[in-house]
Amino acid sequence: MLSQKEIIPYIIAYIPSFFKGCIAVCILGMAMSTADSYLHICSIMVSHDILENIRRVKPITDTYKILVAKLSSLIGGLLAMMAAIYYNDLFKLAHRFISFITIGLNCTTAAPFILAVFGFQGTSRTFLIGIVIGILSIFIWRKLFPEILLFTYHIGPIITTGLAMMASYYLLAQSADKGWMKRNDQQKRIQKLIQAFKMYKKRVDQE
């Protein structure tokens, strides 16, 4: 006559102590195995995938990679322990963290991509200024418009990032080869060929 939530506590409460210890050891073993796998993946990502793909970095020796992997594992484990000790609901914390990372990526990549499609080429300084202002705008939009989720978390910060990039370009001294890019000779020739083809097609259709 027990409910679904009461079955496992009832079994653990009325089994011998030896089996209770076995269950505790199995649960701890599974948890430690999963944590060890994720820490290993984290250390490999930092020491191999990220470091080797950073520009202007000299070739890294295997000894240095192992040292970075050990430090990444140690720091990641300590952060995970602090999160487990100070937060009761880790799933809620992970959901908030992943949501913030996703919104930040959308905010910092969508605006530069849209501007690049329309021909705006900025510098690293304008890009960093736009990213910082875009991330700050996420908190501002949440305070101003908490009920409009789509505009608050996506559209608003993207617009703010794009405007910040353009404003920083025009307000700060930039090189002459940046900004709104004009069409080169090849693009102009392609445009003329497209117009000539459209006119020819129109004449054929009329005939």
N, C-alpha and C. Protein backbone atom coordinates (compact mmCIF):
# COMPACT_ATOMS: atom_id res chain seq x y z
N MET A 1 0.82 -1.22 0.00
CA MET A 1 0.00 0.00 0.00
C MET A 1 0.86 1.26 0.00
N LEU A 2 2.09 1.16 -0.40
CA LEU A 2 2.97 2.33 -0.41
C LEU A 2 2.88 3.06 -1.74
N SER A 3 3.13 4.37 -1.67
CA SER A 3 3.19 5.15 -2.90
C SER A 3 4.53 4.92 -3.59
N GLN A 4 4.64 5.44 -4.80
CA GLN A 4 5.87 5.22 -5.57
C GLN A 4 7.07 5.87 -4.90
N LYS A 5 6.90 7.02 -4.28
CA LYS A 5 8.01 7.72 -3.63
C LYS A 5 8.45 7.05 -2.33
N GLU A 6 7.58 6.25 -1.73
CA GLU A 6 7.90 5.64 -0.43
C GLU A 6 8.51 4.25 -0.55
N ILE A 7 8.59 3.69 -1.76
CA ILE A 7 9.07 2.31 -1.90
C ILE A 7 10.55 2.20 -1.57
N ILE A 8 11.38 3.04 -2.21
CA ILE A 8 12.83 2.95 -1.99
C ILE A 8 13.20 3.27 -0.54
N PRO A 9 12.69 4.34 0.09
CA PRO A 9 13.01 4.55 1.51
C PRO A 9 12.57 3.40 2.41
N TYR A 10 11.45 2.77 2.09
CA TYR A 10 10.98 1.63 2.90
C TYR A 10 11.93 0.45 2.79
N ILE A 11 12.37 0.16 1.56
CA ILE A 11 13.29 -0.96 1.36
C ILE A 11 14.61 -0.72 2.09
N ILE A 12 15.14 0.50 1.96
CA ILE A 12 16.42 0.80 2.60
C ILE A 12 16.30 0.78 4.12
N ALA A 13 15.15 1.18 4.63
CA ALA A 13 14.97 1.24 6.08
C ALA A 13 14.88 -0.14 6.71
N TYR A 14 14.39 -1.14 5.99
CA TYR A 14 14.13 -2.44 6.60
C TYR A 14 15.05 -3.55 6.09
N ILE A 15 16.08 -3.24 5.34
CA ILE A 15 17.04 -4.27 4.95
C ILE A 15 18.19 -4.28 5.94
N PRO A 16 18.96 -5.37 6.00
CA PRO A 16 20.10 -5.43 6.95
C PRO A 16 21.15 -4.37 6.64
N SER A 17 21.94 -4.07 7.64
CA SER A 17 22.96 -3.01 7.51
C SER A 17 23.99 -3.34 6.45
N PHE A 18 24.30 -4.62 6.27
CA PHE A 18 25.28 -5.01 5.25
C PHE A 18 24.82 -4.58 3.86
N PHE A 19 23.55 -4.82 3.56
CA PHE A 19 23.03 -4.43 2.24
C PHE A 19 22.91 -2.92 2.11
N LYS A 20 22.63 -2.24 3.23
CA LYS A 20 22.62 -0.76 3.18
C LYS A 20 24.00 -0.23 2.78
N GLY A 21 25.06 -0.82 3.38
CA GLY A 21 26.41 -0.40 3.02
C GLY A 21 26.72 -0.70 1.56
N CYS A 22 26.27 -1.85 1.06
CA CYS A 22 26.52 -2.18 -0.35
C CYS A 22 25.83 -1.18 -1.28
N ILE A 23 24.59 -0.82 -0.95
CA ILE A 23 23.86 0.16 -1.78
C ILE A 23 24.56 1.51 -1.75
N ALA A 24 25.02 1.94 -0.56
CA ALA A 24 25.72 3.23 -0.46
C ALA A 24 27.02 3.21 -1.26
N VAL A 25 27.76 2.09 -1.19
CA VAL A 25 29.01 1.99 -1.95
C VAL A 25 28.74 2.02 -3.45
N CYS A 26 27.70 1.33 -3.90
CA CYS A 26 27.35 1.31 -5.34
C CYS A 26 26.97 2.71 -5.83
N ILE A 27 26.16 3.41 -5.03
CA ILE A 27 25.73 4.75 -5.44
C ILE A 27 26.93 5.70 -5.50
N LEU A 28 27.79 5.63 -4.47
CA LEU A 28 28.99 6.49 -4.48
C LEU A 28 29.92 6.13 -5.64
N GLY A 29 30.04 4.83 -5.95
CA GLY A 29 30.89 4.42 -7.06
C GLY A 29 30.38 4.95 -8.40
N MET A 30 29.06 4.87 -8.61
CA MET A 30 28.50 5.40 -9.86
C MET A 30 28.67 6.91 -9.95
N ALA A 31 28.45 7.59 -8.83
CA ALA A 31 28.60 9.06 -8.84
C ALA A 31 30.05 9.46 -9.10
N MET A 32 30.99 8.78 -8.46
CA MET A 32 32.40 9.11 -8.65
C MET A 32 32.86 8.77 -10.06
N SER A 33 32.33 7.67 -10.64
CA SER A 33 32.70 7.33 -12.01
C SER A 33 32.22 8.39 -12.99
N THR A 34 30.99 8.86 -12.81
CA THR A 34 30.46 9.90 -13.69
C THR A 34 31.23 11.21 -13.51
N ALA A 35 31.50 11.58 -12.26
CA ALA A 35 32.26 12.82 -12.02
C ALA A 35 33.66 12.72 -12.60
N ASP A 36 34.30 11.57 -12.45
CA ASP A 36 35.64 11.39 -12.98
C ASP A 36 35.65 11.51 -14.50
N SER A 37 34.64 10.96 -15.17
CA SER A 37 34.58 11.06 -16.63
C SER A 37 34.43 12.50 -17.08
N TYR A 38 33.56 13.24 -16.42
CA TYR A 38 33.35 14.64 -16.81
C TYR A 38 34.57 15.50 -16.51
N LEU A 39 35.24 15.24 -15.39
CA LEU A 39 36.47 16.00 -15.09
C LEU A 39 37.57 15.68 -16.10
N HIS A 40 37.63 14.43 -16.51
CA HIS A 40 38.62 14.06 -17.53
C HIS A 40 38.34 14.77 -18.85
N ILE A 41 37.08 14.81 -19.26
CA ILE A 41 36.71 15.51 -20.50
C ILE A 41 37.03 16.99 -20.39
N CYS A 42 36.74 17.58 -19.23
CA CYS A 42 37.03 19.01 -19.03
C CYS A 42 38.52 19.30 -19.13
N SER A 43 39.34 18.48 -18.50
CA SER A 43 40.78 18.72 -18.53
C SER A 43 41.35 18.55 -19.94
N ILE A 44 40.85 17.57 -20.70
CA ILE A 44 41.33 17.37 -22.07
C ILE A 44 40.90 18.53 -22.96
N MET A 45 39.68 19.03 -22.78
CA MET A 45 39.21 20.17 -23.57
C MET A 45 40.09 21.39 -23.34
N VAL A 46 40.43 21.65 -22.08
CA VAL A 46 41.24 22.84 -21.77
C VAL A 46 42.67 22.68 -22.25
N SER A 47 43.29 21.52 -21.95
CA SER A 47 44.71 21.34 -22.23
C SER A 47 45.01 21.03 -23.69
N HIS A 48 44.06 20.46 -24.41
CA HIS A 48 44.33 20.07 -25.81
C HIS A 48 43.50 20.86 -26.81
N ASP A 49 42.18 20.81 -26.68
CA ASP A 49 41.32 21.42 -27.70
C ASP A 49 41.41 22.95 -27.70
N ILE A 50 41.37 23.55 -26.51
CA ILE A 50 41.34 25.02 -26.44
C ILE A 50 42.72 25.61 -26.66
N LEU A 51 43.74 25.10 -25.95
CA LEU A 51 45.07 25.69 -26.04
C LEU A 51 45.65 25.56 -27.44
N GLU A 52 45.44 24.45 -28.10
CA GLU A 52 46.03 24.26 -29.42
C GLU A 52 45.33 25.06 -30.51
N ASN A 53 44.14 25.58 -30.23
CA ASN A 53 43.41 26.35 -31.23
C ASN A 53 43.46 27.85 -30.98
N ILE A 54 44.19 28.27 -29.95
CA ILE A 54 44.35 29.70 -29.71
C ILE A 54 45.44 30.23 -30.63
N ARG A 55 45.15 31.32 -31.29
CA ARG A 55 46.12 31.89 -32.22
C ARG A 55 47.30 32.52 -31.47
N ARG A 56 48.41 32.56 -32.17
CA ARG A 56 49.64 33.19 -31.66
C ARG A 56 50.15 32.51 -30.40
N VAL A 57 49.91 31.22 -30.28
CA VAL A 57 50.43 30.45 -29.16
C VAL A 57 51.47 29.48 -29.70
N LYS A 58 52.63 29.46 -29.08
CA LYS A 58 53.70 28.59 -29.51
C LYS A 58 53.31 27.12 -29.29
N PRO A 59 53.93 26.20 -30.01
CA PRO A 59 53.64 24.77 -29.79
C PRO A 59 53.84 24.37 -28.34
N ILE A 60 52.89 23.63 -27.81
CA ILE A 60 52.87 23.28 -26.39
C ILE A 60 53.43 21.87 -26.22
N THR A 61 54.30 21.70 -25.26
CA THR A 61 54.88 20.39 -24.99
C THR A 61 53.87 19.51 -24.25
N ASP A 62 54.13 18.20 -24.30
CA ASP A 62 53.24 17.25 -23.62
C ASP A 62 53.28 17.42 -22.10
N THR A 63 54.45 17.77 -21.58
CA THR A 63 54.55 17.99 -20.13
C THR A 63 53.66 19.14 -19.68
N TYR A 64 53.67 20.21 -20.46
CA TYR A 64 52.84 21.37 -20.12
C TYR A 64 51.36 21.02 -20.25
N LYS A 65 51.00 20.21 -21.26
CA LYS A 65 49.60 19.79 -21.42
C LYS A 65 49.13 18.98 -20.21
N ILE A 66 50.00 18.08 -19.74
CA ILE A 66 49.63 17.27 -18.57
C ILE A 66 49.44 18.14 -17.34
N LEU A 67 50.33 19.14 -17.17
CA LEU A 67 50.20 20.06 -16.04
C LEU A 67 48.90 20.85 -16.11
N VAL A 68 48.57 21.36 -17.30
CA VAL A 68 47.32 22.11 -17.46
C VAL A 68 46.12 21.20 -17.23
N ALA A 69 46.19 19.96 -17.69
CA ALA A 69 45.08 19.02 -17.48
C ALA A 69 44.87 18.73 -15.99
N LYS A 70 45.97 18.57 -15.25
CA LYS A 70 45.85 18.33 -13.80
C LYS A 70 45.23 19.54 -13.09
N LEU A 71 45.71 20.75 -13.45
CA LEU A 71 45.16 21.95 -12.83
C LEU A 71 43.69 22.13 -13.18
N SER A 72 43.31 21.85 -14.43
CA SER A 72 41.91 21.97 -14.84
C SER A 72 41.04 20.99 -14.07
N SER A 73 41.54 19.75 -13.88
CA SER A 73 40.80 18.76 -13.11
C SER A 73 40.62 19.20 -11.67
N LEU A 74 41.68 19.74 -11.08
CA LEU A 74 41.62 20.18 -9.68
C LEU A 74 40.65 21.34 -9.52
N ILE A 75 40.76 22.35 -10.38
CA ILE A 75 39.88 23.51 -10.27
C ILE A 75 38.42 23.13 -10.54
N GLY A 76 38.21 22.31 -11.57
CA GLY A 76 36.84 21.87 -11.86
C GLY A 76 36.24 21.06 -10.73
N GLY A 77 37.04 20.18 -10.13
CA GLY A 77 36.54 19.40 -8.99
C GLY A 77 36.20 20.26 -7.79
N LEU A 78 37.06 21.25 -7.49
CA LEU A 78 36.78 22.15 -6.36
C LEU A 78 35.53 22.97 -6.60
N LEU A 79 35.36 23.48 -7.82
CA LEU A 79 34.14 24.25 -8.13
C LEU A 79 32.89 23.38 -8.02
N ALA A 80 32.99 22.13 -8.48
CA ALA A 80 31.85 21.21 -8.37
C ALA A 80 31.52 20.91 -6.91
N MET A 81 32.54 20.73 -6.08
CA MET A 81 32.30 20.49 -4.66
C MET A 81 31.65 21.69 -3.99
N MET A 82 32.11 22.89 -4.32
CA MET A 82 31.50 24.10 -3.75
C MET A 82 30.05 24.24 -4.18
N ALA A 83 29.77 23.93 -5.45
CA ALA A 83 28.38 24.01 -5.92
C ALA A 83 27.51 22.98 -5.21
N ALA A 84 28.05 21.76 -4.99
CA ALA A 84 27.27 20.72 -4.32
C ALA A 84 27.02 21.03 -2.84
N ILE A 85 27.96 21.74 -2.22
CA ILE A 85 27.82 22.05 -0.79
C ILE A 85 26.87 23.22 -0.57
N TYR A 86 26.99 24.27 -1.37
CA TYR A 86 26.26 25.50 -1.12
C TYR A 86 24.92 25.60 -1.85
N TYR A 87 24.64 24.69 -2.79
CA TYR A 87 23.38 24.72 -3.53
C TYR A 87 22.65 23.39 -3.34
N ASN A 88 21.40 23.49 -2.93
CA ASN A 88 20.61 22.29 -2.70
C ASN A 88 20.09 21.68 -4.01
N ASP A 89 19.67 22.54 -4.93
CA ASP A 89 19.10 22.08 -6.19
C ASP A 89 20.11 22.31 -7.31
N LEU A 90 20.94 21.29 -7.58
CA LEU A 90 21.98 21.44 -8.61
C LEU A 90 21.39 21.47 -10.01
N PHE A 91 20.26 20.77 -10.21
CA PHE A 91 19.64 20.77 -11.54
C PHE A 91 19.15 22.18 -11.90
N LYS A 92 18.58 22.87 -10.94
CA LYS A 92 18.13 24.23 -11.18
C LYS A 92 19.32 25.16 -11.45
N LEU A 93 20.41 24.97 -10.69
CA LEU A 93 21.61 25.77 -10.92
C LEU A 93 22.19 25.50 -12.31
N ALA A 94 22.26 24.22 -12.70
CA ALA A 94 22.79 23.88 -14.02
C ALA A 94 21.91 24.44 -15.13
N HIS A 95 20.59 24.40 -14.91
CA HIS A 95 19.67 24.94 -15.92
C HIS A 95 19.87 26.44 -16.08
N ARG A 96 20.04 27.15 -14.99
CA ARG A 96 20.28 28.60 -15.06
C ARG A 96 21.61 28.90 -15.74
N PHE A 97 22.62 28.13 -15.40
CA PHE A 97 23.95 28.36 -15.99
C PHE A 97 23.93 28.11 -17.49
N ILE A 98 23.32 26.99 -17.90
CA ILE A 98 23.26 26.67 -19.34
C ILE A 98 22.42 27.69 -20.08
N SER A 99 21.31 28.14 -19.47
CA SER A 99 20.47 29.14 -20.11
C SER A 99 21.22 30.45 -20.29
N PHE A 100 21.98 30.86 -19.28
CA PHE A 100 22.75 32.10 -19.39
C PHE A 100 23.83 31.98 -20.46
N ILE A 101 24.51 30.83 -20.53
CA ILE A 101 25.55 30.63 -21.55
C ILE A 101 24.93 30.66 -22.94
N THR A 102 23.76 30.01 -23.09
CA THR A 102 23.11 29.99 -24.40
C THR A 102 22.68 31.39 -24.83
N ILE A 103 22.09 32.13 -23.90
CA ILE A 103 21.66 33.50 -24.22
C ILE A 103 22.87 34.37 -24.52
N GLY A 104 23.96 34.20 -23.75
CA GLY A 104 25.17 34.98 -24.02
C GLY A 104 25.77 34.68 -25.38
N LEU A 105 25.77 33.40 -25.77
CA LEU A 105 26.29 33.05 -27.09
C LEU A 105 25.43 33.62 -28.20
N ASN A 106 24.10 33.52 -28.02
CA ASN A 106 23.22 34.11 -29.02
C ASN A 106 23.43 35.61 -29.14
N CYS A 107 23.62 36.25 -28.00
CA CYS A 107 23.78 37.71 -27.99
C CYS A 107 25.10 38.13 -28.62
N THR A 108 26.16 37.36 -28.37
CA THR A 108 27.49 37.77 -28.82
C THR A 108 27.84 37.30 -30.23
N THR A 109 27.08 36.38 -30.79
CA THR A 109 27.38 35.89 -32.13
C THR A 109 26.37 36.33 -33.18
N ALA A 110 25.12 36.50 -32.78
CA ALA A 110 24.09 36.84 -33.77
C ALA A 110 24.29 38.24 -34.33
N ALA A 111 24.54 39.21 -33.45
CA ALA A 111 24.69 40.60 -33.91
C ALA A 111 25.90 40.78 -34.83
N PRO A 112 27.11 40.30 -34.48
CA PRO A 112 28.23 40.42 -35.43
C PRO A 112 27.98 39.70 -36.75
N PHE A 113 27.31 38.54 -36.69
CA PHE A 113 27.03 37.81 -37.93
C PHE A 113 26.08 38.58 -38.83
N ILE A 114 25.02 39.15 -38.24
CA ILE A 114 24.06 39.93 -39.05
C ILE A 114 24.73 41.16 -39.65
N LEU A 115 25.56 41.85 -38.87
CA LEU A 115 26.26 43.02 -39.40
C LEU A 115 27.25 42.63 -40.49
N ALA A 116 27.91 41.48 -40.34
CA ALA A 116 28.85 41.03 -41.37
C ALA A 116 28.13 40.68 -42.67
N VAL A 117 26.92 40.12 -42.55
CA VAL A 117 26.15 39.80 -43.75
C VAL A 117 25.79 41.07 -44.52
N PHE A 118 25.48 42.13 -43.80
CA PHE A 118 25.12 43.40 -44.45
C PHE A 118 26.35 44.25 -44.81
N GLY A 119 27.56 43.74 -44.58
CA GLY A 119 28.76 44.42 -45.04
C GLY A 119 29.49 45.24 -44.01
N PHE A 120 29.19 45.06 -42.73
CA PHE A 120 29.90 45.82 -41.69
C PHE A 120 31.05 44.98 -41.16
N GLN A 121 32.24 45.53 -41.22
CA GLN A 121 33.44 44.85 -40.74
C GLN A 121 34.08 45.68 -39.65
N GLY A 122 34.00 45.19 -38.42
CA GLY A 122 34.55 45.92 -37.30
C GLY A 122 35.90 45.39 -36.88
N THR A 123 36.45 45.99 -35.85
CA THR A 123 37.73 45.57 -35.30
C THR A 123 37.51 44.74 -34.04
N SER A 124 38.59 44.21 -33.51
CA SER A 124 38.47 43.42 -32.28
C SER A 124 38.01 44.29 -31.12
N ARG A 125 38.36 45.57 -31.13
CA ARG A 125 37.94 46.46 -30.05
C ARG A 125 36.44 46.70 -30.09
N THR A 126 35.90 46.96 -31.28
CA THR A 126 34.45 47.15 -31.39
C THR A 126 33.71 45.88 -31.04
N PHE A 127 34.28 44.74 -31.42
CA PHE A 127 33.64 43.46 -31.11
C PHE A 127 33.59 43.22 -29.61
N LEU A 128 34.69 43.47 -28.90
CA LEU A 128 34.72 43.27 -27.45
C LEU A 128 33.78 44.24 -26.74
N ILE A 129 33.75 45.49 -27.19
CA ILE A 129 32.84 46.47 -26.58
C ILE A 129 31.39 46.04 -26.78
N GLY A 130 31.07 45.57 -27.97
CA GLY A 130 29.71 45.09 -28.23
C GLY A 130 29.34 43.90 -27.38
N ILE A 131 30.28 42.97 -27.18
CA ILE A 131 30.01 41.78 -26.36
C ILE A 131 29.75 42.18 -24.91
N VAL A 132 30.60 43.04 -24.36
CA VAL A 132 30.45 43.45 -22.96
C VAL A 132 29.11 44.16 -22.75
N ILE A 133 28.79 45.09 -23.62
CA ILE A 133 27.52 45.82 -23.48
C ILE A 133 26.35 44.87 -23.72
N GLY A 134 26.49 43.91 -24.65
CA GLY A 134 25.42 42.96 -24.88
C GLY A 134 25.14 42.08 -23.68
N ILE A 135 26.21 41.61 -23.01
CA ILE A 135 26.01 40.77 -21.82
C ILE A 135 25.39 41.59 -20.69
N LEU A 136 25.82 42.84 -20.52
CA LEU A 136 25.20 43.70 -19.50
C LEU A 136 23.74 43.99 -19.83
N SER A 137 23.43 44.08 -21.12
CA SER A 137 22.05 44.38 -21.51
C SER A 137 21.10 43.24 -21.19
N ILE A 138 21.64 42.01 -21.08
CA ILE A 138 20.77 40.88 -20.70
C ILE A 138 20.13 41.13 -19.35
N PHE A 139 20.93 41.59 -18.38
CA PHE A 139 20.39 41.87 -17.05
C PHE A 139 19.45 43.07 -17.09
N ILE A 140 19.78 44.06 -17.92
CA ILE A 140 18.92 45.25 -18.00
C ILE A 140 17.58 44.89 -18.61
N TRP A 141 17.59 44.12 -19.71
CA TRP A 141 16.32 43.73 -20.33
C TRP A 141 15.49 42.87 -19.39
N ARG A 142 16.14 42.03 -18.56
CA ARG A 142 15.39 41.20 -17.60
C ARG A 142 14.69 42.07 -16.55
N LYS A 143 15.33 43.17 -16.18
CA LYS A 143 14.71 44.06 -15.20
C LYS A 143 13.59 44.89 -15.82
N LEU A 144 13.80 45.35 -17.05
CA LEU A 144 12.81 46.23 -17.68
C LEU A 144 11.62 45.47 -18.23
N PHE A 145 11.87 44.35 -18.91
CA PHE A 145 10.80 43.61 -19.55
C PHE A 145 10.86 42.14 -19.14
N PRO A 146 10.58 41.81 -17.89
CA PRO A 146 10.66 40.40 -17.48
C PRO A 146 9.54 39.53 -18.05
N GLU A 147 8.42 40.15 -18.45
CA GLU A 147 7.30 39.34 -18.93
C GLU A 147 7.42 38.99 -20.41
N ILE A 148 8.23 39.70 -21.19
CA ILE A 148 8.38 39.42 -22.61
C ILE A 148 9.66 38.60 -22.77
N LEU A 149 9.54 37.27 -22.73
CA LEU A 149 10.72 36.42 -22.67
C LEU A 149 11.54 36.47 -23.95
N LEU A 150 10.89 36.39 -25.12
CA LEU A 150 11.62 36.37 -26.38
C LEU A 150 12.40 37.66 -26.58
N PHE A 151 11.76 38.78 -26.33
CA PHE A 151 12.43 40.07 -26.49
C PHE A 151 13.47 40.29 -25.41
N THR A 152 13.19 39.80 -24.21
CA THR A 152 14.09 40.04 -23.09
C THR A 152 15.38 39.26 -23.25
N TYR A 153 15.32 38.01 -23.64
CA TYR A 153 16.49 37.14 -23.63
C TYR A 153 17.19 37.03 -24.98
N HIS A 154 16.55 37.44 -26.07
CA HIS A 154 17.17 37.22 -27.37
C HIS A 154 17.21 38.51 -28.20
N ILE A 155 16.05 39.03 -28.57
CA ILE A 155 16.00 40.13 -29.53
C ILE A 155 16.60 41.40 -28.94
N GLY A 156 16.22 41.74 -27.70
CA GLY A 156 16.73 42.96 -27.09
C GLY A 156 18.24 43.01 -26.96
N PRO A 157 18.89 41.99 -26.36
CA PRO A 157 20.36 42.01 -26.28
C PRO A 157 21.05 41.98 -27.63
N ILE A 158 20.47 41.29 -28.62
CA ILE A 158 21.08 41.27 -29.96
C ILE A 158 21.08 42.67 -30.57
N ILE A 159 19.94 43.37 -30.45
CA ILE A 159 19.86 44.73 -30.98
C ILE A 159 20.84 45.65 -30.25
N THR A 160 20.92 45.49 -28.93
CA THR A 160 21.83 46.32 -28.14
C THR A 160 23.28 46.06 -28.53
N THR A 161 23.65 44.80 -28.75
CA THR A 161 25.03 44.48 -29.15
C THR A 161 25.37 45.10 -30.49
N GLY A 162 24.45 44.98 -31.47
CA GLY A 162 24.70 45.57 -32.78
C GLY A 162 24.84 47.08 -32.73
N LEU A 163 23.96 47.74 -31.97
CA LEU A 163 24.06 49.19 -31.86
C LEU A 163 25.34 49.61 -31.14
N ALA A 164 25.74 48.84 -30.13
CA ALA A 164 26.97 49.16 -29.41
C ALA A 164 28.20 49.01 -30.32
N MET A 165 28.21 47.99 -31.17
CA MET A 165 29.34 47.82 -32.09
C MET A 165 29.43 48.97 -33.09
N MET A 166 28.29 49.37 -33.65
CA MET A 166 28.32 50.48 -34.60
C MET A 166 28.66 51.80 -33.92
N ALA A 167 28.12 52.01 -32.71
CA ALA A 167 28.42 53.25 -31.99
C ALA A 167 29.90 53.33 -31.62
N SER A 168 30.48 52.22 -31.16
CA SER A 168 31.90 52.23 -30.82
C SER A 168 32.77 52.44 -32.05
N TYR A 169 32.30 51.97 -33.21
CA TYR A 169 33.08 52.19 -34.43
C TYR A 169 33.11 53.66 -34.81
N TYR A 170 31.96 54.33 -34.74
CA TYR A 170 31.89 55.73 -35.16
C TYR A 170 32.43 56.69 -34.11
N LEU A 171 32.37 56.32 -32.83
CA LEU A 171 32.84 57.22 -31.78
C LEU A 171 34.35 57.09 -31.53
N LEU A 172 34.91 55.92 -31.78
CA LEU A 172 36.33 55.71 -31.54
C LEU A 172 37.09 55.76 -32.86
N ALA A 173 38.36 56.10 -32.79
CA ALA A 173 39.19 56.17 -33.99
C ALA A 173 39.44 54.76 -34.52
N GLN A 174 39.10 54.54 -35.79
CA GLN A 174 39.26 53.24 -36.40
C GLN A 174 40.06 53.38 -37.70
N SER A 175 40.55 52.25 -38.19
CA SER A 175 41.29 52.26 -39.45
C SER A 175 40.33 52.47 -40.62
N ALA A 176 40.89 52.96 -41.73
CA ALA A 176 40.04 53.32 -42.87
C ALA A 176 39.48 52.12 -43.60
N ASP A 177 40.11 50.96 -43.47
CA ASP A 177 39.65 49.78 -44.21
C ASP A 177 38.57 49.00 -43.47
N LYS A 178 38.02 49.55 -42.40
CA LYS A 178 36.96 48.89 -41.64
C LYS A 178 35.66 49.65 -41.81
N GLY A 179 34.61 49.10 -41.23
CA GLY A 179 33.30 49.74 -41.31
C GLY A 179 32.44 49.10 -42.39
N TRP A 180 31.58 49.89 -43.00
CA TRP A 180 30.71 49.38 -44.05
C TRP A 180 31.52 49.21 -45.32
N MET A 181 31.67 47.98 -45.74
CA MET A 181 32.52 47.67 -46.87
C MET A 181 31.78 47.92 -48.18
N LYS A 182 32.47 48.59 -49.11
CA LYS A 182 31.90 48.84 -50.42
C LYS A 182 32.16 47.64 -51.33
N ARG A 183 31.38 47.55 -52.38
CA ARG A 183 31.55 46.45 -53.32
C ARG A 183 32.81 46.66 -54.16
N ASN A 184 33.58 45.59 -54.32
CA ASN A 184 34.77 45.67 -55.14
C ASN A 184 34.42 45.51 -56.62
N ASP A 185 35.44 45.51 -57.48
CA ASP A 185 35.21 45.44 -58.92
C ASP A 185 34.56 44.13 -59.34
N GLN A 186 34.97 43.05 -58.71
CA GLN A 186 34.40 41.76 -59.07
C GLN A 186 32.92 41.70 -58.71
N GLN A 187 32.56 42.21 -57.55
CA GLN A 187 31.15 42.22 -57.16
C GLN A 187 30.32 43.12 -58.06
N LYS A 188 30.91 44.25 -58.49
CA LYS A 188 30.20 45.12 -59.41
C LYS A 188 29.97 44.43 -60.76
N ARG A 189 30.97 43.70 -61.26
CA ARG A 189 30.81 42.98 -62.51
C ARG A 189 29.72 41.91 -62.40
N ILE A 190 29.72 41.21 -61.26
CA ILE A 190 28.69 40.19 -61.06
C ILE A 190 27.31 40.82 -61.02
N GLN A 191 27.18 41.98 -60.37
CA GLN A 191 25.91 42.66 -60.32
C GLN A 191 25.45 43.09 -61.71
N LYS A 192 26.37 43.57 -62.55
CA LYS A 192 26.01 43.96 -63.91
C LYS A 192 25.59 42.74 -64.74
N LEU A 193 26.27 41.62 -64.56
CA LEU A 193 25.89 40.40 -65.27
C LEU A 193 24.51 39.92 -64.85
N ILE A 194 24.20 40.04 -63.57
CA ILE A 194 22.87 39.64 -63.09
C ILE A 194 21.80 40.54 -63.70
N GLN A 195 22.06 41.85 -63.74
CA GLN A 195 21.09 42.76 -64.34
C GLN A 195 20.91 42.50 -65.83
N ALA A 196 22.02 42.21 -66.55
CA ALA A 196 21.91 41.90 -67.98
C ALA A 196 21.13 40.61 -68.21
N PHE A 197 21.36 39.63 -67.36
CA PHE A 197 20.63 38.37 -67.50
C PHE A 197 19.14 38.57 -67.24
N LYS A 198 18.80 39.39 -66.25
CA LYS A 198 17.38 39.66 -65.97
C LYS A 198 16.72 40.38 -67.14
N MET A 199 17.42 41.35 -67.73
CA MET A 199 16.86 42.06 -68.87
C MET A 199 16.67 41.11 -70.07
N TYR A 200 17.64 40.22 -70.31
CA TYR A 200 17.52 39.26 -71.41
C TYR A 200 16.35 38.30 -71.17
N LYS A 201 16.22 37.84 -69.94
CA LYS A 201 15.12 36.93 -69.61
C LYS A 201 13.77 37.62 -69.77
N LYS A 202 13.71 38.88 -69.40
CA LYS A 202 12.47 39.63 -69.55
C LYS A 202 12.09 39.78 -71.02
N ARG A 203 13.08 40.04 -71.88
CA ARG A 203 12.80 40.13 -73.33
C ARG A 203 12.33 38.80 -73.89
N VAL A 204 12.96 37.70 -73.46
CA VAL A 204 12.54 36.39 -73.94
C VAL A 204 11.12 36.08 -73.51
N ASP A 205 10.78 36.43 -72.27
CA ASP A 205 9.41 36.18 -71.80
C ASP A 205 8.40 37.01 -72.57
N GLN A 206 8.75 38.24 -72.92
CA GLN A 206 7.82 39.09 -73.67
C GLN A 206 7.62 38.56 -75.10
N GLU A 207 8.66 37.99 -75.70
CA GLU A 207 8.53 37.44 -77.03
C GLU A 207 7.73 36.14 -77.03
